[in-house]
Amino acid sequence: MKRSDMDAALDELYAAVPQPGCKGLCVDSCGPVGMNPREHQRIRERGVKIPHHRDALAQLIETGDYTCPALKDGQCSVYDVRPMSCHLWGAVESMPCPYGCRPEEGLLPDAEGHALLAQSLDVGKPDPLDAEQLGRLKQRFDDPNFRRTLKEYVQENRPAANPEKTLERWRSKAADYGFSMPAGTAGERQRRWRG
């Protein structure tokens, strides 16, 4: 698939995400995100090198800190080419903005948001998800236990929502893998994130 075709496919998916009317307050919510290789390349073409998701998580676990390299003066410097994960932030039920930014048309249902994420990750692949596979993904969201677990996972792993609990959770995960994280409160960590 040509780059221009991949860009068009990604842009079409992005257009399906309602805009939350971002106020630029969620810098402390920016963290390691997975993305399509073309999304990664588009950001690199803007002069910003985003580490691979695994490397960014390893940095967070080792140092207790991660600042997205796209953040400049508290704003996203690649906002117009940000990946689907970032487009969905503040626009999906399980990922509401902690600062009250909401799309006028309301939040996307989780099933729809996560289907868009799956489709964006598939752009350019030789065997993308077909309608049946997307249907099965959306069916998972019919299960209230699955929706609750997903929402709890997203909210517990989002520093802006619960800084102390998030940091403690990462410390516990780091210990499970033999890493140690520096001491300090999540409030101190958030101040470092915000500058």
N, C-alpha and C. Protein backbone atom coordinates (compact mmCIF):
# COMPACT_ATOMS: atom_id res chain seq x y z
N MET A 1 0.85 -1.18 0.00
CA MET A 1 0.00 0.00 0.00
C MET A 1 0.90 1.24 0.00
N LYS A 2 0.58 2.20 -0.86
CA LYS A 2 1.36 3.43 -0.94
C LYS A 2 1.12 4.29 0.30
N ARG A 3 2.12 5.13 0.60
CA ARG A 3 1.99 6.03 1.75
C ARG A 3 0.75 6.91 1.65
N SER A 4 0.51 7.43 0.47
CA SER A 4 -0.65 8.32 0.30
C SER A 4 -1.95 7.57 0.58
N ASP A 5 -2.01 6.29 0.20
CA ASP A 5 -3.20 5.49 0.48
C ASP A 5 -3.33 5.21 1.98
N MET A 6 -2.20 4.94 2.63
CA MET A 6 -2.24 4.72 4.08
C MET A 6 -2.66 6.00 4.80
N ASP A 7 -2.12 7.14 4.36
CA ASP A 7 -2.49 8.42 4.98
C ASP A 7 -3.99 8.68 4.81
N ALA A 8 -4.51 8.40 3.62
CA ALA A 8 -5.94 8.61 3.37
C ALA A 8 -6.78 7.68 4.26
N ALA A 9 -6.35 6.43 4.40
CA ALA A 9 -7.09 5.48 5.24
C ALA A 9 -7.07 5.91 6.70
N LEU A 10 -5.91 6.36 7.18
CA LEU A 10 -5.81 6.83 8.57
C LEU A 10 -6.66 8.08 8.77
N ASP A 11 -6.58 9.02 7.85
CA ASP A 11 -7.35 10.26 7.97
C ASP A 11 -8.85 9.99 7.99
N GLU A 12 -9.29 9.00 7.21
CA GLU A 12 -10.71 8.63 7.20
C GLU A 12 -11.12 8.08 8.57
N LEU A 13 -10.26 7.27 9.18
CA LEU A 13 -10.56 6.74 10.52
C LEU A 13 -10.57 7.86 11.55
N TYR A 14 -9.60 8.77 11.46
CA TYR A 14 -9.54 9.89 12.41
C TYR A 14 -10.82 10.74 12.33
N ALA A 15 -11.35 10.89 11.11
CA ALA A 15 -12.54 11.72 10.92
C ALA A 15 -13.77 11.12 11.63
N ALA A 16 -13.71 9.84 11.96
CA ALA A 16 -14.83 9.19 12.65
C ALA A 16 -14.81 9.44 14.16
N VAL A 17 -13.75 10.08 14.64
CA VAL A 17 -13.61 10.36 16.08
C VAL A 17 -14.08 11.78 16.36
N PRO A 18 -15.07 11.95 17.25
CA PRO A 18 -15.52 13.31 17.57
C PRO A 18 -14.43 14.08 18.31
N GLN A 19 -14.37 15.37 18.07
CA GLN A 19 -13.35 16.21 18.69
C GLN A 19 -13.80 16.64 20.09
N PRO A 20 -12.95 16.40 21.11
CA PRO A 20 -13.35 16.75 22.48
C PRO A 20 -13.18 18.22 22.84
N GLY A 21 -12.77 19.06 21.92
CA GLY A 21 -12.58 20.47 22.25
C GLY A 21 -11.44 20.64 23.24
N CYS A 22 -10.29 20.10 22.90
CA CYS A 22 -9.12 20.07 23.78
C CYS A 22 -8.72 21.47 24.24
N LYS A 23 -8.49 21.60 25.55
CA LYS A 23 -8.04 22.86 26.14
C LYS A 23 -6.53 22.87 26.38
N GLY A 24 -5.87 21.76 26.02
CA GLY A 24 -4.42 21.68 26.21
C GLY A 24 -4.00 21.50 27.65
N LEU A 25 -4.86 20.92 28.48
CA LEU A 25 -4.55 20.74 29.90
C LEU A 25 -4.08 19.33 30.24
N CYS A 26 -4.15 18.41 29.30
CA CYS A 26 -3.95 17.00 29.62
C CYS A 26 -2.53 16.51 29.39
N VAL A 27 -1.57 17.39 29.43
CA VAL A 27 -0.17 17.03 29.24
C VAL A 27 0.25 15.89 30.18
N ASP A 28 -0.31 15.87 31.38
CA ASP A 28 0.05 14.82 32.33
C ASP A 28 -0.59 13.49 31.98
N SER A 29 -1.44 13.46 30.97
CA SER A 29 -2.05 12.21 30.51
C SER A 29 -1.25 11.59 29.37
N CYS A 30 -0.35 12.34 28.77
CA CYS A 30 0.44 11.83 27.66
C CYS A 30 1.41 10.78 28.18
N GLY A 31 1.44 9.67 27.52
CA GLY A 31 2.32 8.59 27.95
C GLY A 31 2.63 7.69 26.78
N PRO A 32 3.26 6.58 27.05
CA PRO A 32 3.58 5.63 25.98
C PRO A 32 2.31 5.12 25.31
N VAL A 33 2.26 5.18 24.00
CA VAL A 33 1.11 4.67 23.24
C VAL A 33 1.60 3.82 22.08
N GLY A 34 0.81 2.80 21.77
CA GLY A 34 1.08 2.01 20.58
C GLY A 34 0.53 2.73 19.37
N MET A 35 1.14 2.51 18.23
CA MET A 35 0.66 3.16 17.01
C MET A 35 1.05 2.36 15.78
N ASN A 36 0.37 2.66 14.70
CA ASN A 36 0.65 2.07 13.41
C ASN A 36 2.03 2.56 12.95
N PRO A 37 2.80 1.71 12.25
CA PRO A 37 4.11 2.16 11.76
C PRO A 37 4.04 3.43 10.91
N ARG A 38 2.97 3.60 10.12
CA ARG A 38 2.86 4.81 9.31
C ARG A 38 2.62 6.03 10.19
N GLU A 39 1.84 5.88 11.27
CA GLU A 39 1.64 6.99 12.20
C GLU A 39 2.99 7.39 12.81
N HIS A 40 3.76 6.38 13.17
CA HIS A 40 5.09 6.62 13.74
C HIS A 40 5.96 7.37 12.74
N GLN A 41 5.90 6.96 11.49
CA GLN A 41 6.70 7.59 10.44
C GLN A 41 6.26 9.04 10.20
N ARG A 42 4.96 9.29 10.22
CA ARG A 42 4.46 10.66 10.00
C ARG A 42 4.98 11.60 11.10
N ILE A 43 5.04 11.11 12.31
CA ILE A 43 5.56 11.92 13.42
C ILE A 43 7.06 12.15 13.23
N ARG A 44 7.78 11.11 12.84
CA ARG A 44 9.22 11.25 12.58
C ARG A 44 9.49 12.26 11.48
N GLU A 45 8.62 12.29 10.47
CA GLU A 45 8.77 13.25 9.37
C GLU A 45 8.63 14.68 9.85
N ARG A 46 8.03 14.88 11.01
CA ARG A 46 7.91 16.20 11.63
C ARG A 46 9.10 16.51 12.53
N GLY A 47 10.08 15.61 12.55
CA GLY A 47 11.28 15.85 13.34
C GLY A 47 11.19 15.40 14.79
N VAL A 48 10.17 14.60 15.12
CA VAL A 48 10.00 14.11 16.49
C VAL A 48 10.19 12.60 16.49
N LYS A 49 11.09 12.15 17.35
CA LYS A 49 11.34 10.71 17.44
C LYS A 49 10.64 10.17 18.68
N ILE A 50 9.58 9.40 18.46
CA ILE A 50 8.83 8.76 19.54
C ILE A 50 9.41 7.36 19.71
N PRO A 51 9.80 6.99 20.92
CA PRO A 51 10.33 5.63 21.10
C PRO A 51 9.23 4.59 20.90
N HIS A 52 9.65 3.39 20.56
CA HIS A 52 8.70 2.28 20.45
C HIS A 52 7.99 2.14 21.79
N HIS A 53 6.75 1.71 21.75
CA HIS A 53 5.91 1.58 22.94
C HIS A 53 6.63 0.79 24.05
N ARG A 54 7.26 -0.33 23.70
CA ARG A 54 7.97 -1.15 24.70
C ARG A 54 9.11 -0.36 25.33
N ASP A 55 9.86 0.39 24.53
CA ASP A 55 10.98 1.17 25.06
C ASP A 55 10.50 2.29 25.98
N ALA A 56 9.39 2.92 25.60
CA ALA A 56 8.83 3.99 26.44
C ALA A 56 8.35 3.43 27.77
N LEU A 57 7.70 2.26 27.73
CA LEU A 57 7.25 1.63 28.98
C LEU A 57 8.45 1.24 29.85
N ALA A 58 9.50 0.72 29.23
CA ALA A 58 10.70 0.36 29.99
C ALA A 58 11.29 1.60 30.66
N GLN A 59 11.31 2.72 29.94
CA GLN A 59 11.81 3.97 30.53
C GLN A 59 10.95 4.38 31.72
N LEU A 60 9.64 4.28 31.56
CA LEU A 60 8.73 4.65 32.65
C LEU A 60 8.96 3.76 33.87
N ILE A 61 9.13 2.47 33.63
CA ILE A 61 9.34 1.54 34.73
C ILE A 61 10.69 1.79 35.40
N GLU A 62 11.73 2.01 34.61
CA GLU A 62 13.07 2.20 35.17
C GLU A 62 13.24 3.53 35.90
N THR A 63 12.70 4.59 35.33
CA THR A 63 12.96 5.92 35.90
C THR A 63 11.78 6.51 36.65
N GLY A 64 10.59 5.95 36.43
CA GLY A 64 9.40 6.53 37.05
C GLY A 64 8.93 7.77 36.33
N ASP A 65 9.49 8.04 35.15
CA ASP A 65 9.14 9.25 34.43
C ASP A 65 9.13 8.96 32.93
N TYR A 66 8.21 9.57 32.24
CA TYR A 66 8.18 9.52 30.78
C TYR A 66 7.50 10.79 30.31
N THR A 67 8.16 11.50 29.45
CA THR A 67 7.58 12.68 28.83
C THR A 67 7.56 12.42 27.33
N CYS A 68 6.40 12.56 26.74
CA CYS A 68 6.28 12.34 25.30
C CYS A 68 7.18 13.35 24.58
N PRO A 69 8.05 12.88 23.69
CA PRO A 69 8.94 13.79 22.97
C PRO A 69 8.21 14.79 22.08
N ALA A 70 6.93 14.56 21.80
CA ALA A 70 6.17 15.49 20.96
C ALA A 70 5.70 16.71 21.75
N LEU A 71 5.80 16.67 23.08
CA LEU A 71 5.36 17.80 23.89
C LEU A 71 6.38 18.93 23.84
N LYS A 72 5.92 20.09 23.45
CA LYS A 72 6.76 21.29 23.41
C LYS A 72 5.99 22.40 24.10
N ASP A 73 6.56 22.94 25.16
CA ASP A 73 5.90 24.01 25.93
C ASP A 73 4.48 23.61 26.35
N GLY A 74 4.33 22.35 26.76
CA GLY A 74 3.05 21.88 27.27
C GLY A 74 1.99 21.61 26.21
N GLN A 75 2.38 21.60 24.94
CA GLN A 75 1.43 21.35 23.85
C GLN A 75 1.99 20.26 22.94
N CYS A 76 1.10 19.55 22.28
CA CYS A 76 1.51 18.51 21.33
C CYS A 76 1.97 19.19 20.04
N SER A 77 3.23 18.96 19.69
CA SER A 77 3.80 19.60 18.50
C SER A 77 3.42 18.87 17.21
N VAL A 78 2.80 17.70 17.33
CA VAL A 78 2.39 16.94 16.15
C VAL A 78 0.89 16.65 16.20
N TYR A 79 0.14 17.57 16.78
CA TYR A 79 -1.29 17.36 17.03
C TYR A 79 -2.04 16.92 15.78
N ASP A 80 -1.74 17.52 14.64
CA ASP A 80 -2.48 17.19 13.41
C ASP A 80 -2.13 15.82 12.84
N VAL A 81 -1.02 15.21 13.28
CA VAL A 81 -0.68 13.85 12.82
C VAL A 81 -0.53 12.89 14.01
N ARG A 82 -1.13 13.24 15.15
CA ARG A 82 -1.05 12.36 16.32
C ARG A 82 -1.71 11.02 16.00
N PRO A 83 -1.28 9.95 16.67
CA PRO A 83 -1.82 8.62 16.38
C PRO A 83 -3.26 8.45 16.89
N MET A 84 -3.89 7.38 16.44
CA MET A 84 -5.28 7.11 16.82
C MET A 84 -5.45 7.04 18.33
N SER A 85 -4.50 6.45 19.05
CA SER A 85 -4.61 6.39 20.52
C SER A 85 -4.82 7.77 21.10
N CYS A 86 -4.12 8.75 20.57
CA CYS A 86 -4.24 10.13 21.06
C CYS A 86 -5.53 10.78 20.57
N HIS A 87 -5.96 10.45 19.36
CA HIS A 87 -7.25 10.96 18.85
C HIS A 87 -8.39 10.51 19.75
N LEU A 88 -8.31 9.27 20.24
CA LEU A 88 -9.40 8.71 21.04
C LEU A 88 -9.45 9.28 22.45
N TRP A 89 -8.32 9.83 22.92
CA TRP A 89 -8.27 10.36 24.27
C TRP A 89 -9.30 11.48 24.43
N GLY A 90 -10.18 11.34 25.40
CA GLY A 90 -11.21 12.34 25.63
C GLY A 90 -12.43 12.18 24.75
N ALA A 91 -12.42 11.17 23.87
CA ALA A 91 -13.53 10.99 22.93
C ALA A 91 -14.26 9.66 23.11
N VAL A 92 -13.74 8.78 23.99
CA VAL A 92 -14.30 7.44 24.17
C VAL A 92 -14.71 7.26 25.63
N GLU A 93 -15.78 6.50 25.85
CA GLU A 93 -16.32 6.30 27.20
C GLU A 93 -15.26 5.91 28.23
N SER A 94 -14.37 4.98 27.88
CA SER A 94 -13.38 4.52 28.85
C SER A 94 -12.17 5.44 28.95
N MET A 95 -12.11 6.47 28.11
CA MET A 95 -10.98 7.40 28.12
C MET A 95 -11.44 8.85 28.20
N PRO A 96 -12.31 9.18 29.16
CA PRO A 96 -12.77 10.57 29.23
C PRO A 96 -11.65 11.50 29.69
N CYS A 97 -11.71 12.72 29.23
CA CYS A 97 -10.72 13.72 29.64
C CYS A 97 -10.93 14.06 31.12
N PRO A 98 -9.86 14.01 31.92
CA PRO A 98 -10.01 14.34 33.34
C PRO A 98 -10.25 15.83 33.57
N TYR A 99 -10.13 16.65 32.53
CA TYR A 99 -10.31 18.09 32.67
C TYR A 99 -11.63 18.57 32.08
N GLY A 100 -12.50 17.64 31.75
CA GLY A 100 -13.85 18.00 31.33
C GLY A 100 -14.05 18.27 29.85
N CYS A 101 -13.03 18.10 29.02
CA CYS A 101 -13.22 18.29 27.58
C CYS A 101 -14.06 17.11 27.07
N ARG A 102 -15.12 17.42 26.34
CA ARG A 102 -16.01 16.38 25.82
C ARG A 102 -16.47 16.79 24.43
N PRO A 103 -16.63 15.82 23.55
CA PRO A 103 -17.21 16.14 22.25
C PRO A 103 -18.66 16.60 22.42
N GLU A 104 -19.07 17.57 21.63
CA GLU A 104 -20.45 18.06 21.70
C GLU A 104 -21.45 16.94 21.46
N GLU A 105 -21.08 16.02 20.56
CA GLU A 105 -21.99 14.93 20.22
C GLU A 105 -21.92 13.77 21.20
N GLY A 106 -21.13 13.90 22.25
CA GLY A 106 -21.00 12.86 23.27
C GLY A 106 -19.84 11.93 23.00
N LEU A 107 -19.52 11.11 23.99
CA LEU A 107 -18.41 10.18 23.88
C LEU A 107 -18.78 8.99 23.00
N LEU A 108 -17.78 8.49 22.27
CA LEU A 108 -17.99 7.28 21.48
C LEU A 108 -18.16 6.09 22.42
N PRO A 109 -19.01 5.14 22.08
CA PRO A 109 -19.05 3.91 22.86
C PRO A 109 -17.69 3.21 22.76
N ASP A 110 -17.32 2.49 23.81
CA ASP A 110 -16.03 1.81 23.83
C ASP A 110 -15.84 0.89 22.63
N ALA A 111 -16.89 0.14 22.27
CA ALA A 111 -16.78 -0.80 21.16
C ALA A 111 -16.37 -0.08 19.88
N GLU A 112 -16.98 1.05 19.63
CA GLU A 112 -16.67 1.81 18.41
C GLU A 112 -15.25 2.38 18.47
N GLY A 113 -14.87 2.94 19.61
CA GLY A 113 -13.54 3.51 19.76
C GLY A 113 -12.44 2.47 19.60
N HIS A 114 -12.63 1.32 20.21
CA HIS A 114 -11.60 0.29 20.12
C HIS A 114 -11.57 -0.39 18.76
N ALA A 115 -12.70 -0.42 18.07
CA ALA A 115 -12.70 -0.91 16.70
C ALA A 115 -11.91 0.05 15.81
N LEU A 116 -12.08 1.35 16.02
CA LEU A 116 -11.30 2.34 15.25
C LEU A 116 -9.81 2.18 15.54
N LEU A 117 -9.46 1.94 16.79
CA LEU A 117 -8.05 1.73 17.14
C LEU A 117 -7.51 0.49 16.43
N ALA A 118 -8.26 -0.61 16.49
CA ALA A 118 -7.81 -1.84 15.82
C ALA A 118 -7.64 -1.61 14.32
N GLN A 119 -8.59 -0.91 13.71
CA GLN A 119 -8.50 -0.64 12.27
C GLN A 119 -7.29 0.24 11.96
N SER A 120 -7.01 1.22 12.80
CA SER A 120 -5.86 2.10 12.54
C SER A 120 -4.55 1.32 12.63
N LEU A 121 -4.48 0.38 13.56
CA LEU A 121 -3.26 -0.42 13.69
C LEU A 121 -3.08 -1.35 12.49
N ASP A 122 -4.17 -1.67 11.81
CA ASP A 122 -4.14 -2.58 10.67
C ASP A 122 -3.84 -1.90 9.34
N VAL A 123 -3.92 -0.58 9.27
CA VAL A 123 -3.71 0.12 8.00
C VAL A 123 -2.34 -0.25 7.43
N GLY A 124 -2.35 -0.67 6.17
CA GLY A 124 -1.11 -1.01 5.49
C GLY A 124 -0.72 -2.47 5.63
N LYS A 125 -1.41 -3.22 6.46
CA LYS A 125 -1.09 -4.65 6.62
C LYS A 125 -1.71 -5.43 5.47
N PRO A 126 -1.06 -6.54 5.08
CA PRO A 126 -1.60 -7.31 3.96
C PRO A 126 -2.94 -7.98 4.27
N ASP A 127 -3.19 -8.33 5.53
CA ASP A 127 -4.43 -8.99 5.92
C ASP A 127 -5.11 -8.23 7.05
N PRO A 128 -5.73 -7.08 6.76
CA PRO A 128 -6.39 -6.32 7.83
C PRO A 128 -7.62 -7.07 8.35
N LEU A 129 -8.11 -6.61 9.49
CA LEU A 129 -9.31 -7.21 10.08
C LEU A 129 -10.46 -7.14 9.09
N ASP A 130 -11.22 -8.24 9.01
CA ASP A 130 -12.40 -8.21 8.15
C ASP A 130 -13.62 -7.87 9.00
N ALA A 131 -14.76 -7.75 8.35
CA ALA A 131 -15.99 -7.34 9.05
C ALA A 131 -16.36 -8.31 10.16
N GLU A 132 -16.15 -9.59 9.94
CA GLU A 132 -16.47 -10.59 10.96
C GLU A 132 -15.59 -10.41 12.20
N GLN A 133 -14.29 -10.20 11.98
CA GLN A 133 -13.38 -9.99 13.12
C GLN A 133 -13.72 -8.71 13.88
N LEU A 134 -14.03 -7.65 13.16
CA LEU A 134 -14.44 -6.40 13.82
C LEU A 134 -15.74 -6.60 14.59
N GLY A 135 -16.64 -7.38 14.03
CA GLY A 135 -17.89 -7.67 14.71
C GLY A 135 -17.66 -8.41 16.02
N ARG A 136 -16.73 -9.38 16.01
CA ARG A 136 -16.41 -10.11 17.25
C ARG A 136 -15.79 -9.18 18.28
N LEU A 137 -14.92 -8.27 17.82
CA LEU A 137 -14.33 -7.30 18.75
C LEU A 137 -15.42 -6.45 19.39
N LYS A 138 -16.33 -5.96 18.57
CA LYS A 138 -17.41 -5.13 19.11
C LYS A 138 -18.31 -5.92 20.05
N GLN A 139 -18.51 -7.22 19.78
CA GLN A 139 -19.33 -8.06 20.65
C GLN A 139 -18.74 -8.17 22.06
N ARG A 140 -17.44 -8.13 22.16
CA ARG A 140 -16.80 -8.20 23.49
C ARG A 140 -17.34 -7.10 24.39
N PHE A 141 -17.68 -5.97 23.80
CA PHE A 141 -18.15 -4.83 24.58
C PHE A 141 -19.61 -4.98 25.01
N ASP A 142 -20.28 -6.02 24.52
CA ASP A 142 -21.63 -6.31 25.01
C ASP A 142 -21.59 -6.88 26.43
N ASP A 143 -20.44 -7.39 26.81
CA ASP A 143 -20.26 -7.98 28.14
C ASP A 143 -19.93 -6.86 29.13
N PRO A 144 -20.83 -6.58 30.09
CA PRO A 144 -20.57 -5.49 31.04
C PRO A 144 -19.31 -5.70 31.88
N ASN A 145 -18.96 -6.95 32.15
CA ASN A 145 -17.74 -7.23 32.91
C ASN A 145 -16.50 -6.82 32.12
N PHE A 146 -16.52 -7.08 30.81
CA PHE A 146 -15.40 -6.69 29.96
C PHE A 146 -15.27 -5.17 29.92
N ARG A 147 -16.41 -4.47 29.75
CA ARG A 147 -16.38 -3.00 29.71
C ARG A 147 -15.86 -2.43 31.02
N ARG A 148 -16.33 -2.98 32.13
CA ARG A 148 -15.89 -2.48 33.44
C ARG A 148 -14.39 -2.71 33.64
N THR A 149 -13.92 -3.91 33.28
CA THR A 149 -12.50 -4.22 33.42
C THR A 149 -11.65 -3.27 32.57
N LEU A 150 -12.08 -3.04 31.33
CA LEU A 150 -11.34 -2.13 30.45
C LEU A 150 -11.31 -0.72 31.03
N LYS A 151 -12.45 -0.23 31.48
CA LYS A 151 -12.51 1.13 32.03
C LYS A 151 -11.62 1.25 33.26
N GLU A 152 -11.66 0.25 34.15
CA GLU A 152 -10.81 0.28 35.34
C GLU A 152 -9.34 0.26 34.95
N TYR A 153 -8.99 -0.57 33.96
CA TYR A 153 -7.59 -0.65 33.52
C TYR A 153 -7.12 0.71 32.99
N VAL A 154 -7.90 1.30 32.11
CA VAL A 154 -7.52 2.59 31.52
C VAL A 154 -7.39 3.65 32.61
N GLN A 155 -8.36 3.71 33.50
CA GLN A 155 -8.35 4.76 34.51
C GLN A 155 -7.27 4.53 35.57
N GLU A 156 -6.98 3.29 35.90
CA GLU A 156 -5.94 3.02 36.89
C GLU A 156 -4.54 3.26 36.33
N ASN A 157 -4.40 3.20 35.03
CA ASN A 157 -3.09 3.39 34.41
C ASN A 157 -2.92 4.77 33.82
N ARG A 158 -3.80 5.68 34.16
CA ARG A 158 -3.71 7.05 33.65
C ARG A 158 -3.27 7.96 34.79
N PRO A 159 -2.07 8.49 34.73
CA PRO A 159 -1.55 9.32 35.82
C PRO A 159 -2.45 10.48 36.19
N ALA A 160 -3.09 11.13 35.24
CA ALA A 160 -3.91 12.30 35.55
C ALA A 160 -5.12 11.93 36.39
N ALA A 161 -5.63 10.70 36.22
CA ALA A 161 -6.83 10.30 36.93
C ALA A 161 -6.55 9.94 38.39
N ASN A 162 -5.43 9.30 38.63
CA ASN A 162 -5.14 8.83 39.97
C ASN A 162 -3.63 8.69 40.13
N PRO A 163 -2.91 9.81 40.28
CA PRO A 163 -1.45 9.78 40.25
C PRO A 163 -0.81 8.85 41.26
N GLU A 164 -1.24 8.88 42.50
CA GLU A 164 -0.59 8.04 43.52
C GLU A 164 -0.80 6.57 43.23
N LYS A 165 -2.02 6.20 42.90
CA LYS A 165 -2.33 4.80 42.62
C LYS A 165 -1.58 4.32 41.38
N THR A 166 -1.50 5.17 40.36
CA THR A 166 -0.80 4.79 39.13
C THR A 166 0.67 4.54 39.40
N LEU A 167 1.30 5.44 40.14
CA LEU A 167 2.72 5.28 40.42
C LEU A 167 2.96 4.01 41.24
N GLU A 168 2.10 3.76 42.21
CA GLU A 168 2.25 2.55 43.02
C GLU A 168 2.07 1.30 42.16
N ARG A 169 1.12 1.35 41.24
CA ARG A 169 0.89 0.21 40.35
C ARG A 169 2.13 -0.05 39.48
N TRP A 170 2.73 1.03 38.95
CA TRP A 170 3.94 0.86 38.13
C TRP A 170 5.10 0.35 38.97
N ARG A 171 5.21 0.83 40.21
CA ARG A 171 6.27 0.32 41.09
C ARG A 171 6.11 -1.18 41.31
N SER A 172 4.88 -1.61 41.52
CA SER A 172 4.60 -3.03 41.74
C SER A 172 4.95 -3.84 40.49
N LYS A 173 4.55 -3.33 39.31
CA LYS A 173 4.88 -4.01 38.06
C LYS A 173 6.38 -4.07 37.86
N ALA A 174 7.05 -2.98 38.15
CA ALA A 174 8.51 -2.93 38.00
C ALA A 174 9.16 -3.98 38.90
N ALA A 175 8.69 -4.08 40.13
CA ALA A 175 9.25 -5.06 41.07
C ALA A 175 9.03 -6.48 40.55
N ASP A 176 7.88 -6.73 39.95
CA ASP A 176 7.60 -8.05 39.38
C ASP A 176 8.62 -8.43 38.32
N TYR A 177 9.14 -7.43 37.61
CA TYR A 177 10.10 -7.68 36.54
C TYR A 177 11.55 -7.40 36.94
N GLY A 178 11.76 -7.18 38.24
CA GLY A 178 13.12 -6.99 38.72
C GLY A 178 13.68 -5.59 38.55
N PHE A 179 12.83 -4.60 38.24
CA PHE A 179 13.27 -3.22 38.14
C PHE A 179 12.97 -2.51 39.44
N SER A 180 13.63 -1.39 39.67
CA SER A 180 13.24 -0.55 40.79
C SER A 180 12.94 0.83 40.25
N MET A 181 12.02 1.51 40.90
CA MET A 181 11.66 2.86 40.49
C MET A 181 12.07 3.81 41.58
N PRO A 182 12.47 5.03 41.22
CA PRO A 182 12.87 5.99 42.23
C PRO A 182 11.71 6.37 43.13
N ALA A 183 12.04 6.73 44.34
CA ALA A 183 11.01 7.17 45.29
C ALA A 183 10.49 8.52 44.86
N GLY A 184 9.42 8.93 45.45
CA GLY A 184 8.82 10.23 45.15
C GLY A 184 7.33 10.05 44.98
N THR A 185 6.61 11.09 45.24
CA THR A 185 5.16 11.00 45.11
C THR A 185 4.76 11.25 43.67
N ALA A 186 3.58 10.81 43.34
CA ALA A 186 3.07 11.05 41.99
C ALA A 186 2.88 12.54 41.76
N GLY A 187 2.56 13.28 42.81
CA GLY A 187 2.43 14.73 42.66
C GLY A 187 3.73 15.36 42.22
N GLU A 188 4.86 14.88 42.81
CA GLU A 188 6.17 15.38 42.37
C GLU A 188 6.40 14.98 40.92
N ARG A 189 6.00 13.77 40.58
CA ARG A 189 6.19 13.28 39.22
C ARG A 189 5.37 14.12 38.25
N GLN A 190 4.13 14.44 38.61
CA GLN A 190 3.30 15.26 37.73
C GLN A 190 3.91 16.64 37.55
N ARG A 191 4.49 17.20 38.60
CA ARG A 191 5.13 18.52 38.46
C ARG A 191 6.29 18.43 37.47
N ARG A 192 7.02 17.30 37.49
CA ARG A 192 8.11 17.13 36.52
C ARG A 192 7.53 17.05 35.11
N TRP A 193 6.39 16.36 34.94
CA TRP A 193 5.78 16.24 33.62
C TRP A 193 5.35 17.59 33.10
N ARG A 194 4.80 18.41 33.97
CA ARG A 194 4.25 19.69 33.53
C ARG A 194 5.33 20.75 33.36
N GLY A 195 6.52 20.46 33.84
CA GLY A 195 7.61 21.44 33.70
C GLY A 195 7.70 22.20 34.91
